[in-house]
């Protein structure tokens, strides 16, 4: 199968599959090389790899990391000096033959060398993962080993960057004179970190990712609005995403909400009808609950827009200060203008 067709097939599975359509064994079969199957094309020429919807379902980052390591057997050679010091003596028919042999290296043994299975990979999509089975620490290890050549990366709908996602949800209660019932998180951050503006752990993870993917030009973070503020977090001593360092070449960032809020006009019409019915006693609990969540959805949509605009302004100011590359952010309009354009 031609390499280009393999890339198209993976994209088709990503769109129409259910997350379990492609597992690691299927990936291995698809990328068999000529040593494993006659006339197979392998994956060395693959530039686009679309695994959207598969990560955390049928394929784990650990499996992908292990599979991306390819062991190659190559001969170890002895130099001219090493050959001269060899204990055995070689006899040649003439001095010309001896001179020619001494200028060459002689294979002595085979070495196992580890290399990347996708050496030419430039476009990778890991969008829409199964978040409970996702490990940022494993992903950072994978990125450091195999993603240095990436120019386009999609992490759409990934959870908040954390090295201890499960531990963050757990805590231990301690007692002291001044805090008799204080709660301490096991992880690097706690559930209140976002409310307090503390994005140190998430920003630290993103800093490591930016250093590992230093060729990146396009980044998709659609559906990641919940932690967009981590993209502009800086501690007192620095840290955070290196927009003028590892990601200095990033030209486009997608910070879209990833969903469409309920129609504002229909919500306003319902509000008017509700005001006209006040005092009539005509009140439906389920209808009120539905409208409440609809308004909360609109507010959440607007929060993503506001946070994305703040990140855009902050990153652009950083780039402008050093005369860096101009960056474009793809951002939703606020809810008002969103429906004006619809």
C-alpha atoms as a PDB file:
ATOM      1  CA  UNK A   1       0.000   0.000   0.000  1.00  0.00           C
ATOM      2  CA  UNK A   2       1.447   3.422  -0.912  1.00  0.00           C
ATOM      3  CA  UNK A   3       2.442   5.588   2.042  1.00  0.00           C
ATOM      4  CA  UNK A   4       0.073   8.381   0.974  1.00  0.00           C
ATOM      5  CA  UNK A   5      -2.878   5.958   1.012  1.00  0.00           C
ATOM      6  CA  UNK A   6      -1.959   4.855   4.542  1.00  0.00           C
ATOM      7  CA  UNK A   7      -2.144   8.452   5.767  1.00  0.00           C
ATOM      8  CA  UNK A   8      -5.535   8.918   4.079  1.00  0.00           C
ATOM      9  CA  UNK A   9      -6.824   5.661   5.577  1.00  0.00           C
ATOM     10  CA  UNK A  10      -5.862   6.785   9.087  1.00  0.00           C
ATOM     11  CA  UNK A  11      -7.620  10.121   8.548  1.00  0.00           C
ATOM     12  CA  UNK A  12     -10.762   8.267   7.390  1.00  0.00           C
ATOM     13  CA  UNK A  13     -10.717   6.046  10.494  1.00  0.00           C
ATOM     14  CA  UNK A  14     -10.256   9.132  12.688  1.00  0.00           C
ATOM     15  CA  UNK A  15     -13.383  10.759  11.226  1.00  0.00           C
ATOM     16  CA  UNK A  16     -15.692   7.753  10.948  1.00  0.00           C
ATOM     17  CA  UNK A  17     -14.283   5.391  13.606  1.00  0.00           C
ATOM     18  CA  UNK A  18     -15.554   4.993  17.157  1.00  0.00           C
ATOM     19  CA  UNK A  19     -12.244   5.121  19.036  1.00  0.00           C
ATOM     20  CA  UNK A  20     -11.782   1.358  19.016  1.00  0.00           C
ATOM     21  CA  UNK A  21     -11.516   0.981  15.244  1.00  0.00           C
ATOM     22  CA  UNK A  22      -7.717   1.178  15.331  1.00  0.00           C
ATOM     23  CA  UNK A  23      -5.544  -0.450  17.982  1.00  0.00           C
ATOM     24  CA  UNK A  24      -1.771  -0.734  18.240  1.00  0.00           C
ATOM     25  CA  UNK A  25      -1.764  -4.117  16.466  1.00  0.00           C
ATOM     26  CA  UNK A  26      -3.622  -2.594  13.535  1.00  0.00           C
ATOM     27  CA  UNK A  27      -1.052   0.194  13.399  1.00  0.00           C
ATOM     28  CA  UNK A  28       1.782  -2.339  13.349  1.00  0.00           C
ATOM     29  CA  UNK A  29       0.181  -4.276  10.480  1.00  0.00           C
ATOM     30  CA  UNK A  30      -0.397  -1.088   8.499  1.00  0.00           C
ATOM     31  CA  UNK A  31       3.256  -0.082   8.803  1.00  0.00           C
ATOM     32  CA  UNK A  32       4.989  -3.406   8.132  1.00  0.00           C
ATOM     33  CA  UNK A  33       8.272  -2.863   6.277  1.00  0.00           C
ATOM     34  CA  UNK A  34       9.984  -4.867   3.526  1.00  0.00           C
ATOM     35  CA  UNK A  35      11.862  -6.991   6.067  1.00  0.00           C
ATOM     36  CA  UNK A  36       8.566  -8.126   7.607  1.00  0.00           C
ATOM     37  CA  UNK A  37       6.449  -8.383   4.464  1.00  0.00           C
ATOM     38  CA  UNK A  38       7.482  -8.539   0.817  1.00  0.00           C
ATOM     39  CA  UNK A  39       6.871  -5.244  -1.049  1.00  0.00           C
ATOM     40  CA  UNK A  40       5.634  -3.535   2.126  1.00  0.00           C
ATOM     41  CA  UNK A  41       6.286   0.211   2.263  1.00  0.00           C
ATOM     42  CA  UNK A  42       6.846   0.695   6.005  1.00  0.00           C
ATOM     43  CA  UNK A  43       6.437   4.123   7.578  1.00  0.00           C
ATOM     44  CA  UNK A  44       9.727   5.975   7.147  1.00  0.00           C
ATOM     45  CA  UNK A  45       8.168   8.259   4.536  1.00  0.00           C
ATOM     46  CA  UNK A  46       5.063   9.016   6.617  1.00  0.00           C
ATOM     47  CA  UNK A  47       4.664  12.745   7.273  1.00  0.00           C
ATOM     48  CA  UNK A  48       0.997  12.843   8.450  1.00  0.00           C
ATOM     49  CA  UNK A  49      -0.296  10.663  11.296  1.00  0.00           C
ATOM     50  CA  UNK A  50      -3.920  11.145  12.363  1.00  0.00           C
ATOM     51  CA  UNK A  51      -4.805   9.244  15.543  1.00  0.00           C
ATOM     52  CA  UNK A  52      -7.749  11.439  16.522  1.00  0.00           C
ATOM     53  CA  UNK A  53     -10.180   9.644  18.799  1.00  0.00           C
ATOM     54  CA  UNK A  54      -7.944   6.596  19.285  1.00  0.00           C
ATOM     55  CA  UNK A  55      -5.638   7.725  22.073  1.00  0.00           C
ATOM     56  CA  UNK A  56      -6.725   6.401  25.443  1.00  0.00           C
ATOM     57  CA  UNK A  57      -9.254   4.075  23.826  1.00  0.00           C
ATOM     58  CA  UNK A  58      -7.568   1.346  21.780  1.00  0.00           C
ATOM     59  CA  UNK A  59      -4.086   2.917  21.792  1.00  0.00           C
ATOM     60  CA  UNK A  60      -2.232   4.225  24.836  1.00  0.00           C
ATOM     61  CA  UNK A  61       0.611   6.732  24.787  1.00  0.00           C
ATOM     62  CA  UNK A  62       2.862   4.072  26.299  1.00  0.00           C
ATOM     63  CA  UNK A  63       2.115   1.699  23.411  1.00  0.00           C
ATOM     64  CA  UNK A  64       2.638   4.469  20.855  1.00  0.00           C
ATOM     65  CA  UNK A  65       5.915   5.478  22.500  1.00  0.00           C
ATOM     66  CA  UNK A  66       7.230   1.914  22.540  1.00  0.00           C
ATOM     67  CA  UNK A  67       6.154   1.254  18.958  1.00  0.00           C
ATOM     68  CA  UNK A  68       7.787   4.471  17.746  1.00  0.00           C
ATOM     69  CA  UNK A  69      11.162   3.119  18.856  1.00  0.00           C
ATOM     70  CA  UNK A  70      12.667   1.089  16.036  1.00  0.00           C
ATOM     71  CA  UNK A  71      15.688  -1.147  16.565  1.00  0.00           C
ATOM     72  CA  UNK A  72      18.090  -1.277  13.628  1.00  0.00           C
ATOM     73  CA  UNK A  73      20.954  -3.747  13.287  1.00  0.00           C
ATOM     74  CA  UNK A  74      24.160  -2.344  11.843  1.00  0.00           C
ATOM     75  CA  UNK A  75      27.789  -3.550  11.764  1.00  0.00           C
ATOM     76  CA  UNK A  76      30.390  -2.086  14.087  1.00  0.00           C
ATOM     77  CA  UNK A  77      33.677  -1.361  12.318  1.00  0.00           C
ATOM     78  CA  UNK A  78      37.294  -1.162  13.428  1.00  0.00           C
ATOM     79  CA  UNK A  79      39.396   1.815  12.457  1.00  0.00           C
ATOM     80  CA  UNK A  80      42.781   1.574  10.768  1.00  0.00           C
ATOM     81  CA  UNK A  81      44.572   1.983  14.110  1.00  0.00           C
ATOM     82  CA  UNK A  82      42.486  -0.722  15.761  1.00  0.00           C
ATOM     83  CA  UNK A  83      43.138  -3.081  12.846  1.00  0.00           C
ATOM     84  CA  UNK A  84      46.874  -2.483  13.114  1.00  0.00           C
ATOM     85  CA  UNK A  85      46.777  -3.490  16.759  1.00  0.00           C
ATOM     86  CA  UNK A  86      44.851  -6.714  16.089  1.00  0.00           C
ATOM     87  CA  UNK A  87      46.658  -9.816  17.392  1.00  0.00           C
ATOM     88  CA  UNK A  88      46.266 -11.797  14.157  1.00  0.00           C
ATOM     89  CA  UNK A  89      48.299 -11.217  10.994  1.00  0.00           C
ATOM     90  CA  UNK A  90      46.808 -10.960   7.488  1.00  0.00           C
ATOM     91  CA  UNK A  91      48.741 -12.042   4.376  1.00  0.00           C
ATOM     92  CA  UNK A  92      48.174 -10.299   1.004  1.00  0.00           C
ATOM     93  CA  UNK A  93      49.221 -11.180  -2.544  1.00  0.00           C
ATOM     94  CA  UNK A  94      50.908  -7.822  -3.151  1.00  0.00           C
ATOM     95  CA  UNK A  95      51.754  -4.577  -1.362  1.00  0.00           C
ATOM     96  CA  UNK A  96      49.044  -2.751  -3.385  1.00  0.00           C
ATOM     97  CA  UNK A  97      46.378  -5.076  -1.984  1.00  0.00           C
ATOM     98  CA  UNK A  98      47.708  -4.628   1.541  1.00  0.00           C
ATOM     99  CA  UNK A  99      47.652  -0.833   1.241  1.00  0.00           C
ATOM    100  CA  UNK A 100      44.074  -0.868  -0.041  1.00  0.00           C
ATOM    101  CA  UNK A 101      42.918  -3.130   2.762  1.00  0.00           C
ATOM    102  CA  UNK A 102      44.572  -1.049   5.460  1.00  0.00           C
ATOM    103  CA  UNK A 103      42.703   2.073   4.310  1.00  0.00           C
ATOM    104  CA  UNK A 104      39.316   0.430   4.776  1.00  0.00           C
ATOM    105  CA  UNK A 105      37.417  -0.486   7.921  1.00  0.00           C
ATOM    106  CA  UNK A 106      36.630  -4.092   8.641  1.00  0.00           C
ATOM    107  CA  UNK A 107      33.175  -5.187  10.008  1.00  0.00           C
ATOM    108  CA  UNK A 108      33.612  -7.120  13.205  1.00  0.00           C
ATOM    109  CA  UNK A 109      30.224  -7.378  14.976  1.00  0.00           C
ATOM    110  CA  UNK A 110      26.573  -6.297  14.799  1.00  0.00           C
ATOM    111  CA  UNK A 111      25.141  -3.514  16.952  1.00  0.00           C
ATOM    112  CA  UNK A 112      21.518  -2.862  17.936  1.00  0.00           C
ATOM    113  CA  UNK A 113      20.741   0.841  17.419  1.00  0.00           C
ATOM    114  CA  UNK A 114      17.451   2.449  18.495  1.00  0.00           C
ATOM    115  CA  UNK A 115      15.959   5.022  16.135  1.00  0.00           C
ATOM    116  CA  UNK A 116      12.573   6.614  15.449  1.00  0.00           C
ATOM    117  CA  UNK A 117      10.062   4.662  13.379  1.00  0.00           C
ATOM    118  CA  UNK A 118       8.628   7.934  12.010  1.00  0.00           C
ATOM    119  CA  UNK A 119      11.745  10.012  11.207  1.00  0.00           C
ATOM    120  CA  UNK A 120       9.928  12.323   8.772  1.00  0.00           C
ATOM    121  CA  UNK A 121       6.760  12.952  10.794  1.00  0.00           C
ATOM    122  CA  UNK A 122       5.621  16.585  10.585  1.00  0.00           C
ATOM    123  CA  UNK A 123       1.837  16.449  11.199  1.00  0.00           C
ATOM    124  CA  UNK A 124       0.366  14.623  14.206  1.00  0.00           C
ATOM    125  CA  UNK A 125      -3.192  14.666  15.531  1.00  0.00           C
ATOM    126  CA  UNK A 126      -3.953  13.257  18.978  1.00  0.00           C
ATOM    127  CA  UNK A 127      -7.267  15.104  19.283  1.00  0.00           C
ATOM    128  CA  UNK A 128     -10.305  13.886  21.239  1.00  0.00           C
ATOM    129  CA  UNK A 129      -8.538  11.427  23.562  1.00  0.00           C
ATOM    130  CA  UNK A 130     -10.142   9.351  26.264  1.00  0.00           C
ATOM    131  CA  UNK A 131      -9.010  11.623  29.084  1.00  0.00           C
ATOM    132  CA  UNK A 132      -9.190   9.206  32.062  1.00  0.00           C
ATOM    133  CA  UNK A 133      -6.522   7.055  30.394  1.00  0.00           C
ATOM    134  CA  UNK A 134      -4.288   9.952  29.371  1.00  0.00           C
ATOM    135  CA  UNK A 135      -0.853  10.593  30.878  1.00  0.00           C
ATOM    136  CA  UNK A 136       0.868  13.926  30.318  1.00  0.00           C
ATOM    137  CA  UNK A 137       4.120  12.600  31.806  1.00  0.00           C
ATOM    138  CA  UNK A 138       4.183   9.736  29.321  1.00  0.00           C
ATOM    139  CA  UNK A 139       3.334  12.154  26.509  1.00  0.00           C
ATOM    140  CA  UNK A 140       6.265  14.412  27.452  1.00  0.00           C
ATOM    141  CA  UNK A 141       8.572  11.401  27.282  1.00  0.00           C
ATOM    142  CA  UNK A 142       7.124  10.491  23.887  1.00  0.00           C
ATOM    143  CA  UNK A 143       7.485  14.083  22.633  1.00  0.00           C
ATOM    144  CA  UNK A 144      11.091  14.316  23.762  1.00  0.00           C
ATOM    145  CA  UNK A 145      12.012  11.146  21.883  1.00  0.00           C
ATOM    146  CA  UNK A 146       9.979  11.367  18.684  1.00  0.00           C
ATOM    147  CA  UNK A 147       8.342  14.753  18.040  1.00  0.00           C
ATOM    148  CA  UNK A 148      11.321  17.011  17.363  1.00  0.00           C
ATOM    149  CA  UNK A 149      10.427  17.124  13.645  1.00  0.00           C
ATOM    150  CA  UNK A 150       6.772  18.134  14.165  1.00  0.00           C
ATOM    151  CA  UNK A 151       5.480  21.313  12.545  1.00  0.00           C
ATOM    152  CA  UNK A 152       1.748  20.683  13.132  1.00  0.00           C
ATOM    153  CA  UNK A 153       0.271  19.240  16.344  1.00  0.00           C
ATOM    154  CA  UNK A 154      -3.346  18.826  17.470  1.00  0.00           C
ATOM    155  CA  UNK A 155      -4.128  18.345  21.162  1.00  0.00           C
ATOM    156  CA  UNK A 156      -7.775  19.312  20.812  1.00  0.00           C
ATOM    157  CA  UNK A 157      -9.900  18.528  23.886  1.00  0.00           C
ATOM    158  CA  UNK A 158      -6.964  17.476  26.054  1.00  0.00           C
ATOM    159  CA  UNK A 159      -7.340  17.814  29.845  1.00  0.00           C
ATOM    160  CA  UNK A 160      -5.447  20.291  32.002  1.00  0.00           C
ATOM    161  CA  UNK A 161      -1.687  19.589  31.831  1.00  0.00           C
ATOM    162  CA  UNK A 162      -0.644  17.794  34.992  1.00  0.00           C
ATOM    163  CA  UNK A 163       1.943  15.214  35.960  1.00  0.00           C
ATOM    164  CA  UNK A 164      -0.296  13.968  38.797  1.00  0.00           C
ATOM    165  CA  UNK A 165      -3.891  14.126  37.498  1.00  0.00           C
ATOM    166  CA  UNK A 166      -5.215  11.450  39.850  1.00  0.00           C
ATOM    167  CA  UNK A 167      -3.327  12.698  42.880  1.00  0.00           C
ATOM    168  CA  UNK A 168      -4.657  16.225  42.393  1.00  0.00           C
ATOM    169  CA  UNK A 169      -8.158  14.960  43.099  1.00  0.00           C
ATOM    170  CA  UNK A 170      -7.066  13.364  46.389  1.00  0.00           C
ATOM    171  CA  UNK A 171      -6.009  15.096  49.559  1.00  0.00           C
ATOM    172  CA  UNK A 172      -5.097  14.404  53.142  1.00  0.00           C
ATOM    173  CA  UNK A 173      -6.583  16.276  56.094  1.00  0.00           C
ATOM    174  CA  UNK A 174      -4.061  17.680  58.549  1.00  0.00           C
ATOM    175  CA  UNK A 175      -4.552  19.293  61.919  1.00  0.00           C
ATOM    176  CA  UNK A 176      -2.640  22.100  63.572  1.00  0.00           C
ATOM    177  CA  UNK A 177      -3.211  24.893  66.060  1.00  0.00           C
ATOM    178  CA  UNK A 178      -3.975  27.452  63.355  1.00  0.00           C
ATOM    179  CA  UNK A 179      -5.612  25.136  60.822  1.00  0.00           C
ATOM    180  CA  UNK A 180      -7.429  22.323  62.609  1.00  0.00           C
ATOM    181  CA  UNK A 181      -8.921  20.841  59.448  1.00  0.00           C
ATOM    182  CA  UNK A 182      -6.712  21.899  56.539  1.00  0.00           C
ATOM    183  CA  UNK A 183      -6.621  19.853  53.336  1.00  0.00           C
ATOM    184  CA  UNK A 184      -3.399  19.223  51.431  1.00  0.00           C
ATOM    185  CA  UNK A 185      -3.403  17.892  47.865  1.00  0.00           C
ATOM    186  CA  UNK A 186      -1.221  14.917  47.003  1.00  0.00           C
ATOM    187  CA  UNK A 187      -0.536  16.349  43.549  1.00  0.00           C
ATOM    188  CA  UNK A 188       1.369  19.336  42.202  1.00  0.00           C
ATOM    189  CA  UNK A 189      -1.794  21.437  42.186  1.00  0.00           C
ATOM    190  CA  UNK A 190      -5.285  21.213  43.639  1.00  0.00           C
ATOM    191  CA  UNK A 191      -8.840  21.795  42.514  1.00  0.00           C
ATOM    192  CA  UNK A 192      -8.675  25.434  43.624  1.00  0.00           C
ATOM    193  CA  UNK A 193      -5.537  26.297  41.645  1.00  0.00           C
ATOM    194  CA  UNK A 194      -7.461  27.551  38.628  1.00  0.00           C
ATOM    195  CA  UNK A 195      -9.737  29.753  40.756  1.00  0.00           C
ATOM    196  CA  UNK A 196      -6.686  31.218  42.487  1.00  0.00           C
ATOM    197  CA  UNK A 197      -4.870  31.855  39.209  1.00  0.00           C
ATOM    198  CA  UNK A 198      -2.152  29.316  40.034  1.00  0.00           C
ATOM    199  CA  UNK A 199      -1.255  27.615  36.757  1.00  0.00           C
ATOM    200  CA  UNK A 200       2.299  26.749  37.782  1.00  0.00           C
ATOM    201  CA  UNK A 201       2.059  22.992  37.246  1.00  0.00           C
ATOM    202  CA  UNK A 202       0.211  23.235  33.929  1.00  0.00           C
ATOM    203  CA  UNK A 203       2.602  25.934  32.701  1.00  0.00           C
ATOM    204  CA  UNK A 204       5.587  23.805  33.725  1.00  0.00           C
ATOM    205  CA  UNK A 205       4.280  20.873  31.704  1.00  0.00           C
ATOM    206  CA  UNK A 206       3.702  23.107  28.676  1.00  0.00           C
ATOM    207  CA  UNK A 207       7.194  24.556  29.020  1.00  0.00           C
ATOM    208  CA  UNK A 208       8.675  21.068  28.735  1.00  0.00           C
ATOM    209  CA  UNK A 209       6.463  20.366  25.733  1.00  0.00           C
ATOM    210  CA  UNK A 210       7.527  23.595  24.016  1.00  0.00           C
ATOM    211  CA  UNK A 211      11.178  22.636  24.430  1.00  0.00           C
ATOM    212  CA  UNK A 212      10.583  19.179  22.961  1.00  0.00           C
ATOM    213  CA  UNK A 213       8.622  20.418  19.916  1.00  0.00           C
ATOM    214  CA  UNK A 214      10.877  23.294  18.877  1.00  0.00           C
ATOM    215  CA  UNK A 215      10.029  23.003  15.144  1.00  0.00           C
ATOM    216  CA  UNK A 216       6.301  23.566  15.739  1.00  0.00           C
ATOM    217  CA  UNK A 217       4.489  26.091  13.526  1.00  0.00           C
ATOM    218  CA  UNK A 218       0.802  25.207  14.033  1.00  0.00           C
ATOM    219  CA  UNK A 219      -0.876  24.177  17.295  1.00  0.00           C
ATOM    220  CA  UNK A 220      -4.498  23.094  17.763  1.00  0.00           C
ATOM    221  CA  UNK A 221      -5.879  23.538  21.294  1.00  0.00           C
ATOM    222  CA  UNK A 222      -9.582  23.557  20.458  1.00  0.00           C
ATOM    223  CA  UNK A 223     -11.683  22.560  23.449  1.00  0.00           C
ATOM    224  CA  UNK A 224      -8.858  23.408  25.868  1.00  0.00           C
ATOM    225  CA  UNK A 225     -10.339  26.706  27.023  1.00  0.00           C
ATOM    226  CA  UNK A 226     -10.537  25.486  30.622  1.00  0.00           C
ATOM    227  CA  UNK A 227      -6.753  25.810  30.911  1.00  0.00           C
ATOM    228  CA  UNK A 228      -6.009  28.474  28.288  1.00  0.00           C
ATOM    229  CA  UNK A 229      -4.693  30.808  31.004  1.00  0.00           C
ATOM    230  CA  UNK A 230      -1.774  28.421  31.539  1.00  0.00           C
ATOM    231  CA  UNK A 231      -0.477  29.508  28.121  1.00  0.00           C
ATOM    232  CA  UNK A 232       0.366  32.955  29.519  1.00  0.00           C
ATOM    233  CA  UNK A 233       1.318  32.091  33.084  1.00  0.00           C
ATOM    234  CA  UNK A 234       4.704  33.221  34.357  1.00  0.00           C
ATOM    235  CA  UNK A 235       6.086  32.767  37.830  1.00  0.00           C
ATOM    236  CA  UNK A 236       8.170  35.274  39.734  1.00  0.00           C
ATOM    237  CA  UNK A 237      11.321  33.495  38.587  1.00  0.00           C
ATOM    238  CA  UNK A 238      10.120  32.752  35.064  1.00  0.00           C
ATOM    239  CA  UNK A 239       8.845  29.467  33.704  1.00  0.00           C
ATOM    240  CA  UNK A 240       5.855  28.811  31.526  1.00  0.00           C
ATOM    241  CA  UNK A 241       5.478  28.307  27.810  1.00  0.00           C
ATOM    242  CA  UNK A 242       8.509  29.531  25.878  1.00  0.00           C
ATOM    243  CA  UNK A 243       6.780  31.519  23.143  1.00  0.00           C
ATOM    244  CA  UNK A 244      10.071  33.236  22.378  1.00  0.00           C
ATOM    245  CA  UNK A 245      12.102  30.075  22.910  1.00  0.00           C
ATOM    246  CA  UNK A 246      11.025  26.560  21.990  1.00  0.00           C
ATOM    247  CA  UNK A 247       7.795  27.767  20.376  1.00  0.00           C
ATOM    248  CA  UNK A 248       9.296  30.869  18.776  1.00  0.00           C
ATOM    249  CA  UNK A 249       8.377  29.472  15.348  1.00  0.00           C
ATOM    250  CA  UNK A 250       4.679  28.881  16.109  1.00  0.00           C
ATOM    251  CA  UNK A 251       2.635  30.954  13.659  1.00  0.00           C
ATOM    252  CA  UNK A 252      -0.931  29.729  14.329  1.00  0.00           C
ATOM    253  CA  UNK A 253      -2.736  28.634  17.487  1.00  0.00           C
ATOM    254  CA  UNK A 254      -6.351  27.434  17.466  1.00  0.00           C
ATOM    255  CA  UNK A 255      -8.087  28.362  20.732  1.00  0.00           C
ATOM    256  CA  UNK A 256     -11.688  27.661  19.791  1.00  0.00           C
ATOM    257  CA  UNK A 257     -14.276  26.646  22.364  1.00  0.00           C
ATOM    258  CA  UNK A 258     -15.075  23.374  20.647  1.00  0.00           C
ATOM    259  CA  UNK A 259     -18.829  23.661  20.993  1.00  0.00           C
ATOM    260  CA  UNK A 260     -21.679  25.952  19.905  1.00  0.00           C
ATOM    261  CA  UNK A 261     -23.775  27.586  22.635  1.00  0.00           C
ATOM    262  CA  UNK A 262     -27.569  27.673  22.541  1.00  0.00           C
ATOM    263  CA  UNK A 263     -29.087  30.355  20.372  1.00  0.00           C
ATOM    264  CA  UNK A 264     -29.099  33.641  22.231  1.00  0.00           C
ATOM    265  CA  UNK A 265     -32.135  35.008  20.455  1.00  0.00           C
ATOM    266  CA  UNK A 266     -34.278  32.034  21.384  1.00  0.00           C
ATOM    267  CA  UNK A 267     -33.130  32.372  25.015  1.00  0.00           C
ATOM    268  CA  UNK A 268     -34.048  36.062  24.998  1.00  0.00           C
ATOM    269  CA  UNK A 269     -37.481  35.275  23.522  1.00  0.00           C
ATOM    270  CA  UNK A 270     -38.060  32.757  26.293  1.00  0.00           C
ATOM    271  CA  UNK A 271     -36.981  35.362  28.850  1.00  0.00           C
ATOM    272  CA  UNK A 272     -39.543  37.814  27.470  1.00  0.00           C
ATOM    273  CA  UNK A 273     -42.293  35.202  27.596  1.00  0.00           C
ATOM    274  CA  UNK A 274     -41.257  34.369  31.153  1.00  0.00           C
ATOM    275  CA  UNK A 275     -41.521  38.029  32.192  1.00  0.00           C
ATOM    276  CA  UNK A 276     -44.977  38.283  30.637  1.00  0.00           C
ATOM    277  CA  UNK A 277     -46.113  35.224  32.637  1.00  0.00           C
ATOM    278  CA  UNK A 278     -44.889  36.529  35.986  1.00  0.00           C
ATOM    279  CA  UNK A 279     -47.556  36.317  38.636  1.00  0.00           C
ATOM    280  CA  UNK A 280     -49.634  33.854  36.639  1.00  0.00           C
ATOM    281  CA  UNK A 281     -48.363  30.849  38.617  1.00  0.00           C
ATOM    282  CA  UNK A 282     -47.408  29.082  35.368  1.00  0.00           C
ATOM    283  CA  UNK A 283     -43.938  27.805  36.301  1.00  0.00           C
ATOM    284  CA  UNK A 284     -42.224  24.615  35.083  1.00  0.00           C
ATOM    285  CA  UNK A 285     -39.265  23.339  37.120  1.00  0.00           C
ATOM    286  CA  UNK A 286     -37.754  21.305  34.272  1.00  0.00           C
ATOM    287  CA  UNK A 287     -38.082  24.205  31.853  1.00  0.00           C
ATOM    288  CA  UNK A 288     -36.373  26.549  34.300  1.00  0.00           C
ATOM    289  CA  UNK A 289     -33.559  24.052  34.823  1.00  0.00           C
ATOM    290  CA  UNK A 290     -33.060  23.714  31.067  1.00  0.00           C
ATOM    291  CA  UNK A 291     -32.884  27.487  30.607  1.00  0.00           C
ATOM    292  CA  UNK A 292     -30.441  27.830  33.499  1.00  0.00           C
ATOM    293  CA  UNK A 293     -27.992  25.353  31.970  1.00  0.00           C
ATOM    294  CA  UNK A 294     -28.450  26.966  28.566  1.00  0.00           C
ATOM    295  CA  UNK A 295     -27.386  30.341  29.982  1.00  0.00           C
ATOM    296  CA  UNK A 296     -24.449  28.737  31.801  1.00  0.00           C
ATOM    297  CA  UNK A 297     -23.365  27.265  28.471  1.00  0.00           C
ATOM    298  CA  UNK A 298     -23.404  30.716  26.899  1.00  0.00           C
ATOM    299  CA  UNK A 299     -21.403  32.172  29.793  1.00  0.00           C
ATOM    300  CA  UNK A 300     -18.821  29.384  29.530  1.00  0.00           C
ATOM    301  CA  UNK A 301     -18.521  30.073  25.794  1.00  0.00           C
ATOM    302  CA  UNK A 302     -17.857  33.746  26.520  1.00  0.00           C
ATOM    303  CA  UNK A 303     -15.249  32.878  29.171  1.00  0.00           C
ATOM    304  CA  UNK A 304     -13.312  30.862  26.609  1.00  0.00           C
ATOM    305  CA  UNK A 305     -13.459  33.838  24.240  1.00  0.00           C
ATOM    306  CA  UNK A 306     -12.222  36.288  26.901  1.00  0.00           C
ATOM    307  CA  UNK A 307      -9.391  34.004  28.054  1.00  0.00           C
ATOM    308  CA  UNK A 308      -8.305  33.317  24.470  1.00  0.00           C
ATOM    309  CA  UNK A 309      -8.182  37.035  23.675  1.00  0.00           C
ATOM    310  CA  UNK A 310      -6.080  37.619  26.795  1.00  0.00           C
ATOM    311  CA  UNK A 311      -3.627  34.895  25.772  1.00  0.00           C
ATOM    312  CA  UNK A 312      -3.436  36.331  22.257  1.00  0.00           C
ATOM    313  CA  UNK A 313      -2.624  39.832  23.526  1.00  0.00           C
ATOM    314  CA  UNK A 314      -0.033  38.545  26.004  1.00  0.00           C
ATOM    315  CA  UNK A 315       1.822  36.319  23.517  1.00  0.00           C
ATOM    316  CA  UNK A 316       1.843  39.015  20.846  1.00  0.00           C
ATOM    317  CA  UNK A 317       3.289  41.523  23.302  1.00  0.00           C
ATOM    318  CA  UNK A 318       6.066  39.067  24.183  1.00  0.00           C
ATOM    319  CA  UNK A 319       6.893  38.469  20.531  1.00  0.00           C
ATOM    320  CA  UNK A 320       6.749  42.160  19.658  1.00  0.00           C
ATOM    321  CA  UNK A 321       9.128  43.041  22.509  1.00  0.00           C
ATOM    322  CA  UNK A 322      11.919  40.966  20.952  1.00  0.00           C
ATOM    323  CA  UNK A 323      10.986  41.519  17.312  1.00  0.00           C
ATOM    324  CA  UNK A 324       9.780  37.939  17.009  1.00  0.00           C
ATOM    325  CA  UNK A 325       7.545  36.233  14.486  1.00  0.00           C
ATOM    326  CA  UNK A 326       3.940  37.426  14.287  1.00  0.00           C
ATOM    327  CA  UNK A 327       1.468  34.873  15.611  1.00  0.00           C
ATOM    328  CA  UNK A 328      -2.188  34.338  14.671  1.00  0.00           C
ATOM    329  CA  UNK A 329      -4.820  33.012  17.073  1.00  0.00           C
ATOM    330  CA  UNK A 330      -8.020  31.436  15.765  1.00  0.00           C
ATOM    331  CA  UNK A 331     -10.635  32.472  18.322  1.00  0.00           C
ATOM    332  CA  UNK A 332     -14.435  32.286  18.447  1.00  0.00           C
ATOM    333  CA  UNK A 333     -16.351  35.531  18.427  1.00  0.00           C
ATOM    334  CA  UNK A 334     -18.151  36.282  21.676  1.00  0.00           C
ATOM    335  CA  UNK A 335     -21.670  34.867  21.930  1.00  0.00           C
ATOM    336  CA  UNK A 336     -23.309  38.111  20.752  1.00  0.00           C
ATOM    337  CA  UNK A 337     -21.305  38.420  17.554  1.00  0.00           C
ATOM    338  CA  UNK A 338     -21.280  34.661  17.035  1.00  0.00           C
ATOM    339  CA  UNK A 339     -24.987  34.683  16.284  1.00  0.00           C
ATOM    340  CA  UNK A 340     -24.807  37.922  14.342  1.00  0.00           C
ATOM    341  CA  UNK A 341     -22.557  36.081  11.876  1.00  0.00           C
ATOM    342  CA  UNK A 342     -24.649  32.906  11.862  1.00  0.00           C
END
